C-alpha atoms as a PDB file:
ATOM      1  CA  UNK A   1       0.000   0.000   0.000  1.00  0.00           C
ATOM      2  CA  UNK A   2       2.799   2.448   0.853  1.00  0.00           C
ATOM      3  CA  UNK A   3       4.628   1.820  -2.437  1.00  0.00           C
ATOM      4  CA  UNK A   4       1.425   2.373  -4.408  1.00  0.00           C
ATOM      5  CA  UNK A   5       0.761   5.540  -2.418  1.00  0.00           C
ATOM      6  CA  UNK A   6       4.211   6.905  -3.198  1.00  0.00           C
ATOM      7  CA  UNK A   7       3.790   5.986  -6.867  1.00  0.00           C
ATOM      8  CA  UNK A   8       0.397   7.737  -6.900  1.00  0.00           C
ATOM      9  CA  UNK A   9       1.909  10.873  -5.334  1.00  0.00           C
ATOM     10  CA  UNK A  10       4.661  10.963  -7.963  1.00  0.00           C
ATOM     11  CA  UNK A  11       2.261  10.358 -10.864  1.00  0.00           C
ATOM     12  CA  UNK A  12      -0.266  12.935  -9.665  1.00  0.00           C
ATOM     13  CA  UNK A  13       2.483  15.503  -8.985  1.00  0.00           C
ATOM     14  CA  UNK A  14       3.822  15.170 -12.525  1.00  0.00           C
ATOM     15  CA  UNK A  15       0.387  15.352 -14.168  1.00  0.00           C
ATOM     16  CA  UNK A  16      -0.763  18.159 -11.834  1.00  0.00           C
ATOM     17  CA  UNK A  17       2.354  20.200 -12.670  1.00  0.00           C
ATOM     18  CA  UNK A  18       1.763  19.747 -16.402  1.00  0.00           C
ATOM     19  CA  UNK A  19      -1.882  20.768 -16.027  1.00  0.00           C
ATOM     20  CA  UNK A  20      -0.862  23.777 -13.912  1.00  0.00           C
ATOM     21  CA  UNK A  21       1.461  24.891 -16.703  1.00  0.00           C
ATOM     22  CA  UNK A  22      -1.258  24.481 -19.342  1.00  0.00           C
ATOM     23  CA  UNK A  23      -3.988  26.167 -17.287  1.00  0.00           C
ATOM     24  CA  UNK A  24      -2.009  28.969 -15.660  1.00  0.00           C
ATOM     25  CA  UNK A  25       1.015  29.330 -17.914  1.00  0.00           C
ATOM     26  CA  UNK A  26      -0.810  29.141 -21.242  1.00  0.00           C
ATOM     27  CA  UNK A  27      -4.610  29.431 -21.092  1.00  0.00           C
ATOM     28  CA  UNK A  28      -4.877  32.032 -18.323  1.00  0.00           C
ATOM     29  CA  UNK A  29      -1.716  33.960 -19.177  1.00  0.00           C
ATOM     30  CA  UNK A  30      -3.600  36.800 -20.952  1.00  0.00           C
ATOM     31  CA  UNK A  31      -5.899  37.189 -17.934  1.00  0.00           C
ATOM     32  CA  UNK A  32      -2.954  37.306 -15.544  1.00  0.00           C
ATOM     33  CA  UNK A  33      -1.230  39.888 -17.740  1.00  0.00           C
ATOM     34  CA  UNK A  34      -4.390  42.014 -17.808  1.00  0.00           C
ATOM     35  CA  UNK A  35      -4.538  41.942 -14.001  1.00  0.00           C
ATOM     36  CA  UNK A  36      -0.784  42.243 -13.398  1.00  0.00           C
ATOM     37  CA  UNK A  37      -1.282  44.681 -10.506  1.00  0.00           C
ATOM     38  CA  UNK A  38      -2.715  41.805  -8.437  1.00  0.00           C
ATOM     39  CA  UNK A  39       0.275  39.450  -8.714  1.00  0.00           C
ATOM     40  CA  UNK A  40       3.940  39.414  -7.826  1.00  0.00           C
ATOM     41  CA  UNK A  41       6.256  39.993 -10.782  1.00  0.00           C
ATOM     42  CA  UNK A  42       7.635  36.682 -12.102  1.00  0.00           C
ATOM     43  CA  UNK A  43      11.096  37.326 -10.649  1.00  0.00           C
ATOM     44  CA  UNK A  44       9.524  37.686  -7.177  1.00  0.00           C
ATOM     45  CA  UNK A  45       7.346  34.592  -7.307  1.00  0.00           C
ATOM     46  CA  UNK A  46       8.222  31.860  -4.852  1.00  0.00           C
ATOM     47  CA  UNK A  47       8.084  28.891  -7.226  1.00  0.00           C
ATOM     48  CA  UNK A  48       9.995  26.553  -4.912  1.00  0.00           C
ATOM     49  CA  UNK A  49       7.378  27.165  -2.218  1.00  0.00           C
ATOM     50  CA  UNK A  50       4.628  26.546  -4.774  1.00  0.00           C
ATOM     51  CA  UNK A  51       6.113  23.156  -5.688  1.00  0.00           C
ATOM     52  CA  UNK A  52       6.415  22.180  -2.004  1.00  0.00           C
ATOM     53  CA  UNK A  53       2.821  23.281  -1.348  1.00  0.00           C
ATOM     54  CA  UNK A  54       1.625  21.302  -4.390  1.00  0.00           C
ATOM     55  CA  UNK A  55       3.522  18.205  -3.257  1.00  0.00           C
ATOM     56  CA  UNK A  56       2.106  18.422   0.284  1.00  0.00           C
ATOM     57  CA  UNK A  57      -1.385  18.971  -1.090  1.00  0.00           C
ATOM     58  CA  UNK A  58      -1.048  15.865  -3.269  1.00  0.00           C
ATOM     59  CA  UNK A  59       0.289  13.800  -0.348  1.00  0.00           C
ATOM     60  CA  UNK A  60      -2.835  14.783   1.599  1.00  0.00           C
ATOM     61  CA  UNK A  61      -5.083  14.055  -1.406  1.00  0.00           C
ATOM     62  CA  UNK A  62      -3.618  10.555  -1.818  1.00  0.00           C
ATOM     63  CA  UNK A  63      -3.644   9.900   1.953  1.00  0.00           C
ATOM     64  CA  UNK A  64      -7.303  10.901   2.305  1.00  0.00           C
ATOM     65  CA  UNK A  65      -8.190   8.548  -0.539  1.00  0.00           C
ATOM     66  CA  UNK A  66      -6.029   5.749   0.867  1.00  0.00           C
ATOM     67  CA  UNK A  67      -7.306   6.000   4.435  1.00  0.00           C
ATOM     68  CA  UNK A  68     -10.957   6.923   3.932  1.00  0.00           C
ATOM     69  CA  UNK A  69     -12.118   5.288   0.704  1.00  0.00           C
ATOM     70  CA  UNK A  70     -12.846   1.625   1.332  1.00  0.00           C
ATOM     71  CA  UNK A  71     -13.862   0.484  -2.157  1.00  0.00           C
ATOM     72  CA  UNK A  72     -10.778   1.541  -4.109  1.00  0.00           C
ATOM     73  CA  UNK A  73     -11.359   1.603  -7.869  1.00  0.00           C
ATOM     74  CA  UNK A  74     -11.048   3.945 -10.823  1.00  0.00           C
ATOM     75  CA  UNK A  75     -14.709   4.928 -10.369  1.00  0.00           C
ATOM     76  CA  UNK A  76     -14.175   5.621  -6.654  1.00  0.00           C
ATOM     77  CA  UNK A  77     -11.092   7.660  -7.472  1.00  0.00           C
ATOM     78  CA  UNK A  78     -12.911   9.656 -10.136  1.00  0.00           C
ATOM     79  CA  UNK A  79     -15.847  10.304  -7.804  1.00  0.00           C
ATOM     80  CA  UNK A  80     -13.483  11.347  -5.014  1.00  0.00           C
ATOM     81  CA  UNK A  81     -11.627  13.606  -7.440  1.00  0.00           C
ATOM     82  CA  UNK A  82     -14.802  15.290  -8.724  1.00  0.00           C
ATOM     83  CA  UNK A  83     -16.087  15.979  -5.203  1.00  0.00           C
ATOM     84  CA  UNK A  84     -12.673  17.165  -4.023  1.00  0.00           C
ATOM     85  CA  UNK A  85     -12.358  19.330  -7.136  1.00  0.00           C
ATOM     86  CA  UNK A  86     -15.780  20.894  -6.609  1.00  0.00           C
ATOM     87  CA  UNK A  87     -14.895  21.800  -3.024  1.00  0.00           C
ATOM     88  CA  UNK A  88     -11.488  23.106  -4.032  1.00  0.00           C
ATOM     89  CA  UNK A  89     -12.835  24.968  -7.078  1.00  0.00           C
ATOM     90  CA  UNK A  90     -15.610  26.694  -5.154  1.00  0.00           C
ATOM     91  CA  UNK A  91     -13.142  27.777  -2.495  1.00  0.00           C
ATOM     92  CA  UNK A  92     -10.349  28.799  -4.845  1.00  0.00           C
ATOM     93  CA  UNK A  93     -12.464  30.346  -7.587  1.00  0.00           C
ATOM     94  CA  UNK A  94     -15.388  31.976  -5.886  1.00  0.00           C
ATOM     95  CA  UNK A  95     -13.884  32.286  -2.411  1.00  0.00           C
ATOM     96  CA  UNK A  96     -11.044  34.296  -3.949  1.00  0.00           C
ATOM     97  CA  UNK A  97     -13.518  36.277  -6.081  1.00  0.00           C
ATOM     98  CA  UNK A  98     -15.356  37.311  -2.913  1.00  0.00           C
ATOM     99  CA  UNK A  99     -12.350  39.212  -1.522  1.00  0.00           C
ATOM    100  CA  UNK A 100      -9.996  39.817  -4.452  1.00  0.00           C
ATOM    101  CA  UNK A 101     -10.707  42.122  -7.384  1.00  0.00           C
ATOM    102  CA  UNK A 102     -10.287  39.330  -9.943  1.00  0.00           C
ATOM    103  CA  UNK A 103     -12.517  39.061 -13.007  1.00  0.00           C
ATOM    104  CA  UNK A 104     -15.434  36.644 -12.738  1.00  0.00           C
ATOM    105  CA  UNK A 105     -14.010  34.777 -15.742  1.00  0.00           C
ATOM    106  CA  UNK A 106     -10.877  34.037 -13.703  1.00  0.00           C
ATOM    107  CA  UNK A 107     -12.990  32.713 -10.812  1.00  0.00           C
ATOM    108  CA  UNK A 108     -14.797  30.385 -13.225  1.00  0.00           C
ATOM    109  CA  UNK A 109     -11.486  29.345 -14.791  1.00  0.00           C
ATOM    110  CA  UNK A 110     -10.002  28.497 -11.389  1.00  0.00           C
ATOM    111  CA  UNK A 111     -13.186  26.592 -10.530  1.00  0.00           C
ATOM    112  CA  UNK A 112     -13.206  24.481 -13.703  1.00  0.00           C
ATOM    113  CA  UNK A 113      -9.429  24.033 -13.628  1.00  0.00           C
ATOM    114  CA  UNK A 114      -9.639  22.703 -10.074  1.00  0.00           C
ATOM    115  CA  UNK A 115     -12.406  20.261 -10.978  1.00  0.00           C
ATOM    116  CA  UNK A 116     -10.477  18.985 -14.007  1.00  0.00           C
ATOM    117  CA  UNK A 117      -7.188  18.618 -12.119  1.00  0.00           C
ATOM    118  CA  UNK A 118      -8.730  16.886  -9.107  1.00  0.00           C
ATOM    119  CA  UNK A 119     -10.802  14.556 -11.304  1.00  0.00           C
ATOM    120  CA  UNK A 120      -7.726  13.481 -13.258  1.00  0.00           C
ATOM    121  CA  UNK A 121      -5.809  13.104  -9.991  1.00  0.00           C
ATOM    122  CA  UNK A 122      -8.643  10.968  -8.634  1.00  0.00           C
ATOM    123  CA  UNK A 123      -8.554   8.702 -11.678  1.00  0.00           C
ATOM    124  CA  UNK A 124      -4.795   8.294 -11.278  1.00  0.00           C
ATOM    125  CA  UNK A 125      -5.106   7.522  -7.558  1.00  0.00           C
ATOM    126  CA  UNK A 126      -8.004   5.129  -8.199  1.00  0.00           C
ATOM    127  CA  UNK A 127      -5.897   3.330 -10.809  1.00  0.00           C
ATOM    128  CA  UNK A 128      -2.723   3.096  -8.719  1.00  0.00           C
ATOM    129  CA  UNK A 129      -3.966   2.686  -5.126  1.00  0.00           C
ATOM    130  CA  UNK A 130      -5.996  -0.511  -4.867  1.00  0.00           C
ATOM    131  CA  UNK A 131      -7.330  -2.534  -1.975  1.00  0.00           C
END
C-alpha cells in the first residue's frame, strides 16, 4: 500500500504540474497579464514554495483517498476527485472572487481548472492505489 501511495503521489504531482502549466502558464496567461497589478512579478514569485505546497497537497489528497475510501477503484477515485475538485474549485475560484478584485471569468477558470485537475488526480489515484 505504501509503495502504491508513493507511486500515486509521484504520478499525480507530474500530471498536476503539467496541467498547472497548461492552465495557468498558457490558457490564463492573458488574464494574468491584464490583471498584473494583483500578482507578484515573475522574478519575485516563490516557485519553490509553490512546488512544495503542491507536493504536500497531493500527499494529503492521496492519503485521504487511501485512508478513507474503502472500495478503491477507478470509479471511486474519479468520484473522489470530482467531489474534491468541486470543493477546491468553489473555495479557490469563488472564495477568492469574494475578496480579491479578480474578473469573474478568472474565478470560473479556477473553478473548472480545479475540478479537471482533481478529477484526473482521482482517476490516477483510483488506478494506482488498490485494496
